[in-house]
Amino acid sequence: MKDPLLSIADAIDAGDGRRFTASMRALTHGCNACHISLERSFIAIGLPTDQPPPANQIFAPTGKAPKK
């Protein structure tokens, strides 16, 4: 978790939107991969949106989570 979060923080500090997006995608993919490896794929995280919280949590049934 430390490296992906530092990457996001660095992108924010640099004002680099593309690097921020790539870092968020990597973090989200890593979180979901971990959940799957722990047989907790029902906990799915998506990329944040401009919708009210918790807009980055996906509550679709297992295997139905949208790809992002």
C-alpha atoms as a PDB file:
ATOM      1  CA  MET A   1       0.000   0.000   0.000  1.00  0.00           C
ATOM      2  CA  LYS A   2       2.818   2.413   0.765  1.00  0.00           C
ATOM      3  CA  ASP A   3       4.275   2.656  -2.753  1.00  0.00           C
ATOM      4  CA  PRO A   4       0.953   3.134  -4.588  1.00  0.00           C
ATOM      5  CA  LEU A   5      -0.136   5.792  -2.104  1.00  0.00           C
ATOM      6  CA  LEU A   6       3.202   7.600  -2.382  1.00  0.00           C
ATOM      7  CA  SER A   7       2.854   7.526  -6.164  1.00  0.00           C
ATOM      8  CA  ILE A   8      -0.556   9.195  -5.868  1.00  0.00           C
ATOM      9  CA  ALA A   9       0.807  11.796  -3.450  1.00  0.00           C
ATOM     10  CA  ASP A  10       3.756  12.527  -5.752  1.00  0.00           C
ATOM     11  CA  ALA A  11       1.416  12.995  -8.711  1.00  0.00           C
ATOM     12  CA  ILE A  12      -0.712  15.414  -6.693  1.00  0.00           C
ATOM     13  CA  ASP A  13       2.357  17.355  -5.541  1.00  0.00           C
ATOM     14  CA  ALA A  14       3.569  17.574  -9.157  1.00  0.00           C
ATOM     15  CA  GLY A  15       0.140  18.577 -10.440  1.00  0.00           C
ATOM     16  CA  ASP A  16       0.371  15.696 -12.932  1.00  0.00           C
ATOM     17  CA  GLY A  17      -3.159  14.591 -13.775  1.00  0.00           C
ATOM     18  CA  ARG A  18      -2.092  11.762 -16.061  1.00  0.00           C
ATOM     19  CA  ARG A  19       0.249  10.280 -13.477  1.00  0.00           C
ATOM     20  CA  PHE A  20      -2.459  10.679 -10.828  1.00  0.00           C
ATOM     21  CA  THR A  21      -4.951   8.761 -12.990  1.00  0.00           C
ATOM     22  CA  ALA A  22      -2.435   6.004 -13.717  1.00  0.00           C
ATOM     23  CA  SER A  23      -1.534   5.757 -10.027  1.00  0.00           C
ATOM     24  CA  MET A  24      -5.191   5.557  -8.993  1.00  0.00           C
ATOM     25  CA  ARG A  25      -5.796   2.818 -11.569  1.00  0.00           C
ATOM     26  CA  ALA A  26      -2.804   0.847 -10.265  1.00  0.00           C
ATOM     27  CA  LEU A  27      -3.941   1.209  -6.648  1.00  0.00           C
ATOM     28  CA  THR A  28      -7.505   0.179  -7.501  1.00  0.00           C
ATOM     29  CA  HIS A  29      -6.297  -2.833  -9.487  1.00  0.00           C
ATOM     30  CA  GLY A  30      -4.028  -3.871  -6.614  1.00  0.00           C
ATOM     31  CA  CYS A  31      -6.830  -3.584  -4.072  1.00  0.00           C
ATOM     32  CA  ASN A  32      -9.194  -5.667  -6.164  1.00  0.00           C
ATOM     33  CA  ALA A  33      -6.497  -8.279  -6.892  1.00  0.00           C
ATOM     34  CA  CYS A  34      -5.891  -8.628  -3.173  1.00  0.00           C
ATOM     35  CA  HIS A  35      -9.599  -8.996  -2.441  1.00  0.00           C
ATOM     36  CA  ILE A  36      -9.839 -11.722  -5.097  1.00  0.00           C
ATOM     37  CA  SER A  37      -6.800 -13.565  -3.706  1.00  0.00           C
ATOM     38  CA  LEU A  38      -8.419 -13.558  -0.257  1.00  0.00           C
ATOM     39  CA  GLU A  39     -11.675 -14.888  -1.741  1.00  0.00           C
ATOM     40  CA  ARG A  40     -13.371 -11.574  -1.004  1.00  0.00           C
ATOM     41  CA  SER A  41     -14.118 -10.554  -4.589  1.00  0.00           C
ATOM     42  CA  PHE A  42     -17.481  -9.237  -3.414  1.00  0.00           C
ATOM     43  CA  ILE A  43     -15.479  -6.270  -2.098  1.00  0.00           C
ATOM     44  CA  ALA A  44     -14.831  -4.390  -5.335  1.00  0.00           C
ATOM     45  CA  ILE A  45     -13.393  -0.914  -5.603  1.00  0.00           C
ATOM     46  CA  GLY A  46     -13.825   1.298  -8.653  1.00  0.00           C
ATOM     47  CA  LEU A  47     -12.187   4.541  -9.640  1.00  0.00           C
ATOM     48  CA  PRO A  48     -13.556   7.550  -7.767  1.00  0.00           C
ATOM     49  CA  THR A  49     -16.245   9.574  -9.508  1.00  0.00           C
ATOM     50  CA  ASP A  50     -17.829  12.935  -8.901  1.00  0.00           C
ATOM     51  CA  GLN A  51     -20.817  11.204  -7.271  1.00  0.00           C
ATOM     52  CA  PRO A  52     -21.419  11.387  -3.519  1.00  0.00           C
ATOM     53  CA  PRO A  53     -19.496   8.918  -1.348  1.00  0.00           C
ATOM     54  CA  PRO A  54     -19.022   5.982  -1.454  1.00  0.00           C
ATOM     55  CA  ALA A  55     -18.836   6.383  -5.233  1.00  0.00           C
ATOM     56  CA  ASN A  56     -15.766   4.152  -5.548  1.00  0.00           C
ATOM     57  CA  GLN A  57     -17.385   1.078  -3.983  1.00  0.00           C
ATOM     58  CA  ILE A  58     -19.127  -1.389  -6.274  1.00  0.00           C
ATOM     59  CA  PHE A  59     -22.000  -3.337  -4.786  1.00  0.00           C
ATOM     60  CA  ALA A  60     -22.805  -5.543  -7.784  1.00  0.00           C
ATOM     61  CA  PRO A  61     -22.905  -9.312  -7.127  1.00  0.00           C
ATOM     62  CA  THR A  62     -19.574 -11.153  -7.408  1.00  0.00           C
ATOM     63  CA  GLY A  63     -18.498 -11.467 -11.025  1.00  0.00           C
ATOM     64  CA  LYS A  64     -20.804  -8.628 -12.095  1.00  0.00           C
ATOM     65  CA  ALA A  65     -18.549  -5.716 -11.145  1.00  0.00           C
ATOM     66  CA  PRO A  66     -17.960  -3.348 -14.063  1.00  0.00           C
ATOM     67  CA  LYS A  67     -14.490  -3.247 -15.583  1.00  0.00           C
ATOM     68  CA  LYS A  68     -12.659   0.052 -15.165  1.00  0.00           C
END
